[in-house]
Amino acid sequence: MLKGKKVLKNFAIVLALVVAFSGISFAYSYGSSETEPMAEAYKEIVFNLNKSPQNWAGATEEFEEVKGKLESLTEELNEIDNQSQFLNDYAVEIKEAIQEKDKDAVIYNFQLALAGNIERRLESAEKEINEYKTAKALIKKAKVFYETLEIVVKADSQEANERVEKALTGTLNSLGNPGMLGFGAQPPKVEEYQEHKETILNTLEDVIIK
């Protein structure tokens, strides 16, 4: 079941989501050329469920397209951190919420999944911190997922969003620099990376779960 089932906290967040995802076209608009199916499905589901009347058929179709990814995320995050506050049986919870036409629970569990994906990428980047290109790519993936949650964080607190953005930049800077043919190389700063990672995850936990 939901961990202390949380509905969207207030009208400001609901309104922000309606405004953010009210267009017909969902071209990625956050300055990143990358997209993630789960993030795109979340935006489509928010759009469908904020229609009047709500489009549950459309939401169900979007869910089915990423159901396998949600199941895989549960397994992978459980292996990385089985105490994660974002860990949940996303596919089961979302399917149940759709069956019950519980819009808030559907959106909440997708937000948990997006945050869980951020944690997964950041934890993996830490393990690969000595492989600059791999770690950098993982952090960029985390940023793609954060950009989808950004409107929710901003609705809660502009300061929280600024804190996460600064920490994401900090994780990239903490990777050091491989240099060119060994010249100008700088080693990664593991402790600094961990501090930035914890700032991101703690902020998301405060916003999404509280």
N, C-alpha and C. Protein backbone atom coordinates (compact mmCIF):
# COMPACT_ATOMS: atom_id res chain seq x y z
N MET A 1 0.84 -1.20 0.00
CA MET A 1 0.00 0.00 0.00
C MET A 1 0.88 1.25 0.00
N LEU A 2 0.28 2.40 -0.20
CA LEU A 2 1.04 3.64 -0.22
C LEU A 2 1.69 3.88 1.12
N LYS A 3 2.94 4.39 1.10
CA LYS A 3 3.62 4.76 2.33
C LYS A 3 3.02 6.08 2.78
N GLY A 4 2.14 6.06 3.76
CA GLY A 4 1.51 7.27 4.25
C GLY A 4 0.92 8.05 3.11
N LYS A 5 0.00 7.39 2.42
CA LYS A 5 -0.55 7.92 1.17
C LYS A 5 -0.71 9.43 1.20
N LYS A 6 -0.09 10.04 0.22
CA LYS A 6 -0.08 11.49 0.14
C LYS A 6 -0.78 11.96 -1.12
N VAL A 7 -1.73 12.86 -0.97
CA VAL A 7 -2.36 13.49 -2.12
C VAL A 7 -1.57 14.75 -2.43
N LEU A 8 -1.76 15.33 -3.58
CA LEU A 8 -1.08 16.58 -3.88
C LEU A 8 -1.42 17.59 -2.80
N LYS A 9 -0.40 18.26 -2.30
CA LYS A 9 -0.53 18.96 -1.03
C LYS A 9 -1.52 20.10 -1.03
N ASN A 10 -1.64 20.82 -2.12
CA ASN A 10 -2.51 21.98 -2.08
C ASN A 10 -2.93 22.40 -3.48
N PHE A 11 -3.84 23.35 -3.52
CA PHE A 11 -4.37 23.80 -4.80
C PHE A 11 -3.29 24.40 -5.69
N ALA A 12 -2.28 25.01 -5.08
CA ALA A 12 -1.22 25.63 -5.87
C ALA A 12 -0.51 24.59 -6.72
N ILE A 13 -0.25 23.41 -6.17
CA ILE A 13 0.43 22.37 -6.93
C ILE A 13 -0.47 21.84 -8.02
N VAL A 14 -1.73 21.61 -7.71
CA VAL A 14 -2.67 21.14 -8.72
C VAL A 14 -2.75 22.14 -9.87
N LEU A 15 -2.89 23.42 -9.52
CA LEU A 15 -2.97 24.46 -10.55
C LEU A 15 -1.70 24.50 -11.37
N ALA A 16 -0.56 24.35 -10.72
CA ALA A 16 0.71 24.37 -11.45
C ALA A 16 0.79 23.24 -12.44
N LEU A 17 0.33 22.07 -12.04
CA LEU A 17 0.35 20.92 -12.95
C LEU A 17 -0.60 21.12 -14.11
N VAL A 18 -1.77 21.69 -13.84
CA VAL A 18 -2.75 21.94 -14.91
C VAL A 18 -2.15 22.88 -15.94
N VAL A 19 -1.55 23.98 -15.45
CA VAL A 19 -0.97 24.96 -16.36
C VAL A 19 0.20 24.36 -17.12
N ALA A 20 1.04 23.62 -16.41
CA ALA A 20 2.25 23.08 -17.03
C ALA A 20 1.95 22.09 -18.13
N PHE A 21 0.91 21.26 -17.92
CA PHE A 21 0.64 20.16 -18.85
C PHE A 21 -0.68 20.31 -19.58
N SER A 22 -1.10 21.56 -19.82
CA SER A 22 -2.41 21.77 -20.43
C SER A 22 -2.37 21.80 -21.95
N GLY A 23 -1.18 21.84 -22.54
CA GLY A 23 -1.08 21.89 -24.00
C GLY A 23 -1.32 20.55 -24.64
N ILE A 24 -1.66 20.57 -25.92
CA ILE A 24 -1.85 19.33 -26.65
C ILE A 24 -0.50 18.69 -26.95
N SER A 25 0.47 19.52 -27.33
CA SER A 25 1.79 18.99 -27.67
C SER A 25 2.66 18.93 -26.42
N PHE A 26 3.42 17.82 -26.30
CA PHE A 26 4.28 17.65 -25.14
C PHE A 26 5.75 17.62 -25.55
N ALA A 27 6.13 18.53 -26.41
CA ALA A 27 7.54 18.64 -26.77
C ALA A 27 8.32 18.98 -25.52
N TYR A 28 9.52 18.42 -25.39
CA TYR A 28 10.31 18.66 -24.19
C TYR A 28 10.74 20.10 -24.14
N SER A 29 10.42 20.80 -23.07
CA SER A 29 10.59 22.25 -23.07
C SER A 29 11.48 22.75 -21.94
N TYR A 30 12.30 21.89 -21.40
CA TYR A 30 13.12 22.30 -20.27
C TYR A 30 14.59 22.48 -20.64
N GLY A 31 14.88 22.67 -21.90
CA GLY A 31 16.25 22.93 -22.29
C GLY A 31 17.08 21.68 -22.44
N SER A 32 16.49 20.52 -22.42
CA SER A 32 17.22 19.27 -22.58
C SER A 32 16.74 18.57 -23.84
N SER A 33 17.69 17.98 -24.57
CA SER A 33 17.32 17.28 -25.79
C SER A 33 16.91 15.84 -25.51
N GLU A 34 17.10 15.39 -24.27
CA GLU A 34 16.78 14.02 -23.92
C GLU A 34 15.36 13.91 -23.37
N THR A 35 14.75 12.76 -23.60
CA THR A 35 13.46 12.47 -23.01
C THR A 35 13.50 11.08 -22.40
N GLU A 36 12.62 10.83 -21.47
CA GLU A 36 12.49 9.53 -20.82
C GLU A 36 11.03 9.11 -20.90
N PRO A 37 10.75 7.89 -21.36
CA PRO A 37 9.36 7.43 -21.50
C PRO A 37 8.54 7.59 -20.23
N MET A 38 9.12 7.30 -19.08
CA MET A 38 8.36 7.39 -17.84
C MET A 38 7.99 8.84 -17.53
N ALA A 39 8.91 9.74 -17.78
CA ALA A 39 8.63 11.16 -17.55
C ALA A 39 7.56 11.66 -18.52
N GLU A 40 7.65 11.24 -19.78
CA GLU A 40 6.65 11.65 -20.76
C GLU A 40 5.28 11.07 -20.42
N ALA A 41 5.25 9.82 -19.96
CA ALA A 41 3.98 9.20 -19.57
C ALA A 41 3.34 9.96 -18.41
N TYR A 42 4.16 10.38 -17.45
CA TYR A 42 3.65 11.15 -16.31
C TYR A 42 2.97 12.43 -16.78
N LYS A 43 3.62 13.15 -17.70
CA LYS A 43 3.04 14.40 -18.18
C LYS A 43 1.73 14.16 -18.92
N GLU A 44 1.69 13.11 -19.72
CA GLU A 44 0.46 12.78 -20.44
C GLU A 44 -0.66 12.38 -19.48
N ILE A 45 -0.30 11.64 -18.43
CA ILE A 45 -1.31 11.21 -17.46
C ILE A 45 -1.87 12.40 -16.69
N VAL A 46 -1.00 13.31 -16.28
CA VAL A 46 -1.47 14.52 -15.59
C VAL A 46 -2.42 15.29 -16.51
N PHE A 47 -2.04 15.40 -17.77
CA PHE A 47 -2.88 16.10 -18.74
C PHE A 47 -4.25 15.42 -18.87
N ASN A 48 -4.25 14.10 -19.02
CA ASN A 48 -5.50 13.36 -19.18
C ASN A 48 -6.40 13.43 -17.95
N LEU A 49 -5.78 13.40 -16.78
CA LEU A 49 -6.59 13.39 -15.56
C LEU A 49 -7.03 14.77 -15.12
N ASN A 50 -6.46 15.80 -15.72
CA ASN A 50 -6.92 17.16 -15.44
C ASN A 50 -7.95 17.65 -16.46
N LYS A 51 -8.30 16.76 -17.39
CA LYS A 51 -9.37 17.09 -18.32
C LYS A 51 -10.72 17.02 -17.61
N SER A 52 -11.71 17.61 -18.21
CA SER A 52 -13.07 17.49 -17.70
C SER A 52 -13.98 17.10 -18.86
N PRO A 53 -14.47 15.85 -18.86
CA PRO A 53 -14.26 14.82 -17.84
C PRO A 53 -12.86 14.20 -17.94
N GLN A 54 -12.44 13.57 -16.87
CA GLN A 54 -11.13 12.94 -16.84
C GLN A 54 -11.04 11.82 -17.88
N ASN A 55 -9.90 11.72 -18.52
CA ASN A 55 -9.69 10.71 -19.56
C ASN A 55 -8.93 9.52 -18.95
N TRP A 56 -9.68 8.64 -18.31
CA TRP A 56 -9.05 7.49 -17.66
C TRP A 56 -8.55 6.47 -18.67
N ALA A 57 -9.18 6.39 -19.81
CA ALA A 57 -8.71 5.47 -20.85
C ALA A 57 -7.34 5.89 -21.35
N GLY A 58 -7.17 7.19 -21.55
CA GLY A 58 -5.88 7.70 -21.98
C GLY A 58 -4.81 7.48 -20.92
N ALA A 59 -5.16 7.70 -19.66
CA ALA A 59 -4.22 7.50 -18.56
C ALA A 59 -3.81 6.04 -18.48
N THR A 60 -4.77 5.15 -18.65
CA THR A 60 -4.48 3.71 -18.58
C THR A 60 -3.53 3.31 -19.70
N GLU A 61 -3.77 3.84 -20.89
CA GLU A 61 -2.90 3.51 -22.03
C GLU A 61 -1.46 3.96 -21.77
N GLU A 62 -1.30 5.16 -21.24
CA GLU A 62 0.04 5.66 -20.93
C GLU A 62 0.71 4.79 -19.86
N PHE A 63 -0.05 4.39 -18.86
CA PHE A 63 0.49 3.54 -17.80
C PHE A 63 0.96 2.21 -18.35
N GLU A 64 0.16 1.60 -19.20
CA GLU A 64 0.51 0.28 -19.75
C GLU A 64 1.81 0.35 -20.55
N GLU A 65 2.07 1.47 -21.19
CA GLU A 65 3.27 1.60 -22.00
C GLU A 65 4.55 1.62 -21.16
N VAL A 66 4.45 2.05 -19.91
CA VAL A 66 5.65 2.12 -19.06
C VAL A 66 5.56 1.18 -17.85
N LYS A 67 4.58 0.31 -17.85
CA LYS A 67 4.40 -0.60 -16.72
C LYS A 67 5.66 -1.43 -16.46
N GLY A 68 6.25 -1.95 -17.52
CA GLY A 68 7.46 -2.75 -17.37
C GLY A 68 8.61 -1.96 -16.77
N LYS A 69 8.74 -0.69 -17.18
CA LYS A 69 9.80 0.15 -16.63
C LYS A 69 9.56 0.44 -15.15
N LEU A 70 8.30 0.60 -14.77
CA LEU A 70 7.96 0.83 -13.36
C LEU A 70 8.31 -0.40 -12.53
N GLU A 71 8.02 -1.57 -13.06
CA GLU A 71 8.34 -2.81 -12.35
C GLU A 71 9.86 -2.98 -12.20
N SER A 72 10.58 -2.67 -13.26
CA SER A 72 12.04 -2.77 -13.21
C SER A 72 12.63 -1.77 -12.22
N LEU A 73 12.06 -0.58 -12.17
CA LEU A 73 12.54 0.44 -11.24
C LEU A 73 12.39 -0.04 -9.80
N THR A 74 11.26 -0.65 -9.48
CA THR A 74 11.05 -1.17 -8.13
C THR A 74 12.14 -2.17 -7.78
N GLU A 75 12.45 -3.08 -8.68
CA GLU A 75 13.47 -4.09 -8.43
C GLU A 75 14.86 -3.47 -8.28
N GLU A 76 15.20 -2.56 -9.18
CA GLU A 76 16.53 -1.96 -9.17
C GLU A 76 16.75 -1.06 -7.98
N LEU A 77 15.75 -0.24 -7.64
CA LEU A 77 15.90 0.65 -6.49
C LEU A 77 15.95 -0.14 -5.20
N ASN A 78 15.23 -1.25 -5.15
CA ASN A 78 15.28 -2.11 -3.97
C ASN A 78 16.68 -2.66 -3.77
N GLU A 79 17.37 -2.97 -4.86
CA GLU A 79 18.74 -3.48 -4.77
C GLU A 79 19.72 -2.38 -4.37
N ILE A 80 19.49 -1.17 -4.86
CA ILE A 80 20.39 -0.05 -4.56
C ILE A 80 20.20 0.45 -3.13
N ASP A 81 18.95 0.61 -2.74
CA ASP A 81 18.65 1.15 -1.40
C ASP A 81 17.26 0.69 -0.98
N ASN A 82 17.21 -0.43 -0.26
CA ASN A 82 15.89 -0.95 0.12
C ASN A 82 15.23 -0.16 1.23
N GLN A 83 15.92 0.89 1.71
CA GLN A 83 15.34 1.78 2.71
C GLN A 83 14.92 3.12 2.08
N SER A 84 15.01 3.21 0.78
CA SER A 84 14.67 4.46 0.10
C SER A 84 13.25 4.89 0.42
N GLN A 85 13.08 6.17 0.71
CA GLN A 85 11.76 6.72 0.97
C GLN A 85 10.91 6.76 -0.29
N PHE A 86 11.56 6.64 -1.44
CA PHE A 86 10.82 6.68 -2.71
C PHE A 86 10.44 5.30 -3.21
N LEU A 87 10.94 4.26 -2.56
CA LEU A 87 10.70 2.89 -3.02
C LEU A 87 9.24 2.50 -2.82
N ASN A 88 8.65 1.93 -3.85
CA ASN A 88 7.27 1.48 -3.78
C ASN A 88 7.04 0.49 -4.90
N ASP A 89 5.97 -0.26 -4.80
CA ASP A 89 5.58 -1.15 -5.88
C ASP A 89 4.74 -0.33 -6.85
N TYR A 90 5.43 0.50 -7.63
CA TYR A 90 4.77 1.53 -8.42
C TYR A 90 3.68 0.98 -9.34
N ALA A 91 4.01 -0.05 -10.08
CA ALA A 91 3.05 -0.59 -11.06
C ALA A 91 1.78 -1.07 -10.39
N VAL A 92 1.92 -1.77 -9.28
CA VAL A 92 0.76 -2.29 -8.55
C VAL A 92 -0.07 -1.14 -8.00
N GLU A 93 0.59 -0.17 -7.39
CA GLU A 93 -0.12 0.95 -6.78
C GLU A 93 -0.84 1.81 -7.83
N ILE A 94 -0.18 2.05 -8.95
CA ILE A 94 -0.80 2.88 -9.98
C ILE A 94 -1.96 2.16 -10.63
N LYS A 95 -1.79 0.88 -10.89
CA LYS A 95 -2.89 0.10 -11.47
C LYS A 95 -4.11 0.11 -10.55
N GLU A 96 -3.87 -0.08 -9.25
CA GLU A 96 -4.96 -0.06 -8.29
C GLU A 96 -5.63 1.32 -8.24
N ALA A 97 -4.80 2.37 -8.27
CA ALA A 97 -5.35 3.73 -8.23
C ALA A 97 -6.18 4.03 -9.48
N ILE A 98 -5.73 3.54 -10.63
CA ILE A 98 -6.50 3.74 -11.86
C ILE A 98 -7.83 3.02 -11.78
N GLN A 99 -7.81 1.80 -11.26
CA GLN A 99 -9.04 1.03 -11.12
C GLN A 99 -10.03 1.74 -10.20
N GLU A 100 -9.50 2.41 -9.18
CA GLU A 100 -10.35 3.12 -8.22
C GLU A 100 -10.62 4.56 -8.66
N LYS A 101 -10.04 4.94 -9.80
CA LYS A 101 -10.15 6.32 -10.30
C LYS A 101 -9.71 7.34 -9.24
N ASP A 102 -8.59 7.02 -8.61
CA ASP A 102 -8.00 7.88 -7.59
C ASP A 102 -6.87 8.68 -8.23
N LYS A 103 -7.23 9.84 -8.75
CA LYS A 103 -6.28 10.69 -9.47
C LYS A 103 -5.06 11.04 -8.63
N ASP A 104 -5.28 11.45 -7.39
CA ASP A 104 -4.17 11.88 -6.53
C ASP A 104 -3.17 10.74 -6.30
N ALA A 105 -3.68 9.53 -6.11
CA ALA A 105 -2.80 8.39 -5.87
C ALA A 105 -2.00 8.03 -7.13
N VAL A 106 -2.63 8.16 -8.29
CA VAL A 106 -1.92 7.90 -9.55
C VAL A 106 -0.76 8.87 -9.69
N ILE A 107 -1.03 10.15 -9.52
CA ILE A 107 0.00 11.17 -9.69
C ILE A 107 1.08 11.04 -8.63
N TYR A 108 0.67 10.78 -7.41
CA TYR A 108 1.64 10.64 -6.32
C TYR A 108 2.62 9.51 -6.59
N ASN A 109 2.10 8.36 -7.00
CA ASN A 109 2.98 7.21 -7.24
C ASN A 109 3.90 7.44 -8.43
N PHE A 110 3.43 8.17 -9.43
CA PHE A 110 4.32 8.52 -10.54
C PHE A 110 5.40 9.48 -10.07
N GLN A 111 5.05 10.40 -9.19
CA GLN A 111 6.06 11.31 -8.65
C GLN A 111 7.09 10.54 -7.82
N LEU A 112 6.65 9.56 -7.06
CA LEU A 112 7.58 8.71 -6.33
C LEU A 112 8.53 8.00 -7.29
N ALA A 113 7.98 7.51 -8.39
CA ALA A 113 8.79 6.80 -9.38
C ALA A 113 9.82 7.72 -10.02
N LEU A 114 9.42 8.95 -10.32
CA LEU A 114 10.36 9.91 -10.89
C LEU A 114 11.49 10.22 -9.90
N ALA A 115 11.13 10.42 -8.65
CA ALA A 115 12.14 10.67 -7.62
C ALA A 115 13.02 9.44 -7.43
N GLY A 116 12.41 8.26 -7.49
CA GLY A 116 13.17 7.02 -7.38
C GLY A 116 14.17 6.87 -8.52
N ASN A 117 13.79 7.31 -9.70
CA ASN A 117 14.71 7.27 -10.83
C ASN A 117 15.87 8.23 -10.63
N ILE A 118 15.60 9.37 -10.04
CA ILE A 118 16.68 10.31 -9.73
C ILE A 118 17.65 9.68 -8.75
N GLU A 119 17.12 9.07 -7.71
CA GLU A 119 18.00 8.41 -6.73
C GLU A 119 18.81 7.30 -7.39
N ARG A 120 18.15 6.50 -8.19
CA ARG A 120 18.83 5.39 -8.88
C ARG A 120 20.00 5.90 -9.71
N ARG A 121 19.78 6.96 -10.48
CA ARG A 121 20.84 7.48 -11.35
C ARG A 121 21.98 8.09 -10.53
N LEU A 122 21.64 8.83 -9.48
CA LEU A 122 22.68 9.46 -8.67
C LEU A 122 23.51 8.43 -7.90
N GLU A 123 22.86 7.40 -7.40
CA GLU A 123 23.59 6.35 -6.69
C GLU A 123 24.51 5.60 -7.66
N SER A 124 24.01 5.34 -8.85
CA SER A 124 24.82 4.65 -9.86
C SER A 124 25.99 5.51 -10.29
N ALA A 125 25.77 6.82 -10.42
CA ALA A 125 26.85 7.72 -10.79
C ALA A 125 27.95 7.73 -9.74
N GLU A 126 27.55 7.64 -8.47
CA GLU A 126 28.55 7.60 -7.41
C GLU A 126 29.42 6.34 -7.52
N LYS A 127 28.80 5.23 -7.84
CA LYS A 127 29.56 3.99 -8.00
C LYS A 127 30.51 4.06 -9.18
N GLU A 128 30.14 4.86 -10.18
CA GLU A 128 30.95 4.99 -11.40
C GLU A 128 31.74 6.30 -11.41
N ILE A 129 31.96 6.86 -10.25
CA ILE A 129 32.52 8.22 -10.21
C ILE A 129 33.91 8.31 -10.82
N ASN A 130 34.62 7.21 -10.87
CA ASN A 130 35.95 7.22 -11.50
C ASN A 130 35.88 7.04 -13.01
N GLU A 131 34.69 6.78 -13.51
CA GLU A 131 34.47 6.71 -14.96
C GLU A 131 33.71 7.97 -15.37
N TYR A 132 34.45 9.00 -15.71
CA TYR A 132 33.88 10.33 -15.89
C TYR A 132 32.69 10.36 -16.84
N LYS A 133 32.84 9.80 -18.03
CA LYS A 133 31.78 9.88 -19.03
C LYS A 133 30.52 9.15 -18.57
N THR A 134 30.69 8.00 -17.95
CA THR A 134 29.54 7.22 -17.48
C THR A 134 28.81 7.96 -16.37
N ALA A 135 29.57 8.46 -15.40
CA ALA A 135 28.97 9.18 -14.28
C ALA A 135 28.25 10.44 -14.76
N LYS A 136 28.87 11.15 -15.68
CA LYS A 136 28.26 12.37 -16.21
C LYS A 136 26.95 12.06 -16.92
N ALA A 137 26.92 10.99 -17.70
CA ALA A 137 25.70 10.60 -18.42
C ALA A 137 24.59 10.24 -17.45
N LEU A 138 24.93 9.58 -16.35
CA LEU A 138 23.93 9.19 -15.35
C LEU A 138 23.35 10.42 -14.66
N ILE A 139 24.19 11.39 -14.35
CA ILE A 139 23.71 12.61 -13.72
C ILE A 139 22.79 13.38 -14.67
N LYS A 140 23.13 13.39 -15.95
CA LYS A 140 22.26 14.05 -16.93
C LYS A 140 20.91 13.35 -17.01
N LYS A 141 20.90 12.02 -16.87
CA LYS A 141 19.64 11.29 -16.85
C LYS A 141 18.82 11.70 -15.63
N ALA A 142 19.49 11.84 -14.48
CA ALA A 142 18.80 12.27 -13.26
C ALA A 142 18.18 13.64 -13.47
N LYS A 143 18.89 14.51 -14.17
CA LYS A 143 18.39 15.86 -14.41
C LYS A 143 17.14 15.85 -15.29
N VAL A 144 17.09 14.94 -16.25
CA VAL A 144 15.90 14.82 -17.10
C VAL A 144 14.68 14.50 -16.24
N PHE A 145 14.83 13.57 -15.32
CA PHE A 145 13.71 13.22 -14.44
C PHE A 145 13.37 14.38 -13.50
N TYR A 146 14.40 15.08 -13.02
CA TYR A 146 14.11 16.21 -12.13
C TYR A 146 13.35 17.30 -12.86
N GLU A 147 13.69 17.55 -14.11
CA GLU A 147 13.03 18.62 -14.86
C GLU A 147 11.53 18.37 -14.98
N THR A 148 11.13 17.10 -14.94
CA THR A 148 9.70 16.77 -14.96
C THR A 148 9.05 17.07 -13.61
N LEU A 149 9.80 16.89 -12.54
CA LEU A 149 9.27 17.17 -11.19
C LEU A 149 9.44 18.63 -10.78
N GLU A 150 10.19 19.37 -11.57
CA GLU A 150 10.55 20.73 -11.18
C GLU A 150 9.34 21.60 -10.86
N ILE A 151 8.28 21.49 -11.64
CA ILE A 151 7.10 22.32 -11.42
C ILE A 151 6.48 22.04 -10.06
N VAL A 152 6.55 20.79 -9.62
CA VAL A 152 6.01 20.41 -8.31
C VAL A 152 6.88 21.00 -7.19
N VAL A 153 8.18 20.93 -7.38
CA VAL A 153 9.10 21.48 -6.37
C VAL A 153 8.96 22.99 -6.29
N LYS A 154 8.86 23.65 -7.44
CA LYS A 154 8.70 25.10 -7.46
C LYS A 154 7.40 25.52 -6.78
N ALA A 155 6.33 24.75 -6.99
CA ALA A 155 5.05 25.08 -6.36
C ALA A 155 5.13 24.98 -4.85
N ASP A 156 5.99 24.09 -4.37
CA ASP A 156 6.18 23.95 -2.93
C ASP A 156 7.08 25.06 -2.39
N SER A 157 8.19 25.31 -3.13
CA SER A 157 9.15 26.30 -2.66
C SER A 157 10.15 26.62 -3.76
N GLN A 158 10.25 27.87 -4.14
CA GLN A 158 11.25 28.29 -5.12
C GLN A 158 12.65 28.02 -4.58
N GLU A 159 12.82 28.21 -3.29
CA GLU A 159 14.13 27.99 -2.68
C GLU A 159 14.53 26.53 -2.78
N ALA A 160 13.56 25.62 -2.63
CA ALA A 160 13.85 24.19 -2.74
C ALA A 160 14.33 23.85 -4.14
N ASN A 161 13.68 24.44 -5.15
CA ASN A 161 14.09 24.20 -6.53
C ASN A 161 15.51 24.71 -6.77
N GLU A 162 15.80 25.89 -6.28
CA GLU A 162 17.14 26.46 -6.45
C GLU A 162 18.18 25.58 -5.76
N ARG A 163 17.82 25.02 -4.62
CA ARG A 163 18.73 24.14 -3.88
C ARG A 163 19.05 22.89 -4.69
N VAL A 164 18.03 22.30 -5.30
CA VAL A 164 18.24 21.10 -6.11
C VAL A 164 19.05 21.42 -7.35
N GLU A 165 18.71 22.51 -8.03
CA GLU A 165 19.44 22.89 -9.24
C GLU A 165 20.93 23.11 -8.93
N LYS A 166 21.20 23.79 -7.84
CA LYS A 166 22.58 24.05 -7.45
C LYS A 166 23.30 22.74 -7.12
N ALA A 167 22.61 21.83 -6.45
CA ALA A 167 23.22 20.56 -6.08
C ALA A 167 23.47 19.68 -7.30
N LEU A 168 22.56 19.72 -8.28
CA LEU A 168 22.78 18.96 -9.51
C LEU A 168 24.03 19.45 -10.23
N THR A 169 24.17 20.77 -10.31
CA THR A 169 25.39 21.32 -10.89
C THR A 169 26.61 20.90 -10.08
N GLY A 170 26.44 20.88 -8.77
CA GLY A 170 27.53 20.47 -7.88
C GLY A 170 27.96 19.03 -8.09
N THR A 171 26.98 18.14 -8.36
CA THR A 171 27.36 16.74 -8.60
C THR A 171 28.23 16.63 -9.85
N LEU A 172 27.89 17.38 -10.89
CA LEU A 172 28.70 17.36 -12.11
C LEU A 172 30.10 17.91 -11.85
N ASN A 173 30.18 19.01 -11.12
CA ASN A 173 31.49 19.59 -10.82
C ASN A 173 32.34 18.67 -9.95
N SER A 174 31.67 17.86 -9.13
CA SER A 174 32.38 16.96 -8.23
C SER A 174 33.05 15.80 -8.96
N LEU A 175 32.69 15.60 -10.21
CA LEU A 175 33.28 14.49 -10.97
C LEU A 175 34.73 14.74 -11.35
N GLY A 176 35.19 15.98 -11.19
CA GLY A 176 36.55 16.30 -11.59
C GLY A 176 36.62 16.49 -13.08
N ASN A 177 37.80 16.19 -13.62
CA ASN A 177 38.01 16.39 -15.06
C ASN A 177 39.05 15.39 -15.54
N PRO A 178 38.72 14.62 -16.57
CA PRO A 178 39.69 13.64 -17.06
C PRO A 178 40.87 14.27 -17.79
N GLY A 179 40.75 15.58 -18.11
CA GLY A 179 41.83 16.26 -18.81
C GLY A 179 41.96 15.80 -20.25
N MET A 180 43.01 16.23 -20.87
CA MET A 180 43.30 15.86 -22.26
C MET A 180 44.63 15.14 -22.29
N LEU A 181 44.58 13.85 -22.60
CA LEU A 181 45.78 13.02 -22.62
C LEU A 181 46.53 13.08 -21.29
N GLY A 182 45.72 13.19 -20.22
CA GLY A 182 46.30 13.21 -18.89
C GLY A 182 46.65 14.58 -18.37
N PHE A 183 46.71 15.58 -19.27
CA PHE A 183 47.06 16.93 -18.83
C PHE A 183 45.83 17.65 -18.30
N GLY A 184 45.98 18.32 -17.17
CA GLY A 184 44.88 19.07 -16.59
C GLY A 184 43.84 18.20 -15.90
N ALA A 185 44.16 16.94 -15.70
CA ALA A 185 43.21 16.02 -15.05
C ALA A 185 43.01 16.39 -13.59
N GLN A 186 41.77 16.30 -13.14
CA GLN A 186 41.43 16.54 -11.74
C GLN A 186 40.63 15.35 -11.23
N PRO A 187 40.99 14.81 -10.07
CA PRO A 187 40.28 13.64 -9.55
C PRO A 187 38.88 14.01 -9.05
N PRO A 188 37.98 13.04 -9.01
CA PRO A 188 36.65 13.31 -8.49
C PRO A 188 36.70 13.59 -6.99
N LYS A 189 35.74 14.37 -6.51
CA LYS A 189 35.64 14.69 -5.09
C LYS A 189 34.44 13.93 -4.53
N VAL A 190 34.71 12.74 -4.01
CA VAL A 190 33.64 11.82 -3.62
C VAL A 190 32.77 12.39 -2.49
N GLU A 191 33.40 12.92 -1.46
CA GLU A 191 32.63 13.45 -0.33
C GLU A 191 31.76 14.63 -0.76
N GLU A 192 32.31 15.46 -1.62
CA GLU A 192 31.54 16.61 -2.12
C GLU A 192 30.35 16.12 -2.94
N TYR A 193 30.58 15.09 -3.75
CA TYR A 193 29.49 14.51 -4.55
C TYR A 193 28.40 13.98 -3.63
N GLN A 194 28.78 13.27 -2.59
CA GLN A 194 27.81 12.69 -1.67
C GLN A 194 26.97 13.76 -0.99
N GLU A 195 27.60 14.86 -0.64
CA GLU A 195 26.86 15.96 -0.01
C GLU A 195 25.81 16.53 -0.95
N HIS A 196 26.19 16.74 -2.20
CA HIS A 196 25.24 17.26 -3.18
C HIS A 196 24.11 16.26 -3.42
N LYS A 197 24.46 15.00 -3.52
CA LYS A 197 23.45 13.95 -3.73
C LYS A 197 22.44 13.94 -2.60
N GLU A 198 22.92 14.00 -1.37
CA GLU A 198 22.02 13.99 -0.22
C GLU A 198 21.13 15.23 -0.19
N THR A 199 21.66 16.37 -0.60
CA THR A 199 20.84 17.59 -0.67
C THR A 199 19.67 17.39 -1.62
N ILE A 200 19.95 16.81 -2.78
CA ILE A 200 18.91 16.58 -3.77
C ILE A 200 17.85 15.62 -3.23
N LEU A 201 18.28 14.49 -2.72
CA LEU A 201 17.34 13.47 -2.26
C LEU A 201 16.55 13.93 -1.04
N ASN A 202 17.20 14.62 -0.12
CA ASN A 202 16.49 15.11 1.07
C ASN A 202 15.46 16.17 0.70
N THR A 203 15.80 17.03 -0.26
CA THR A 203 14.86 18.05 -0.69
C THR A 203 13.65 17.41 -1.36
N LEU A 204 13.89 16.44 -2.23
CA LEU A 204 12.78 15.75 -2.88
C LEU A 204 11.92 15.01 -1.88
N GLU A 205 12.54 14.41 -0.90
CA GLU A 205 11.78 13.72 0.14
C GLU A 205 10.88 14.69 0.88
N ASP A 206 11.41 15.85 1.22
CA ASP A 206 10.61 16.86 1.93
C ASP A 206 9.40 17.32 1.11
N VAL A 207 9.63 17.49 -0.19
CA VAL A 207 8.57 18.02 -1.06
C VAL A 207 7.56 16.94 -1.44
N ILE A 208 8.04 15.80 -1.86
CA ILE A 208 7.16 14.77 -2.41
C ILE A 208 6.42 13.99 -1.34
N ILE A 209 7.12 13.65 -0.25
CA ILE A 209 6.56 12.70 0.71
C ILE A 209 5.87 13.35 1.89
N LYS A 210 6.28 14.52 2.30
CA LYS A 210 5.72 15.08 3.54
C LYS A 210 4.22 15.32 3.47
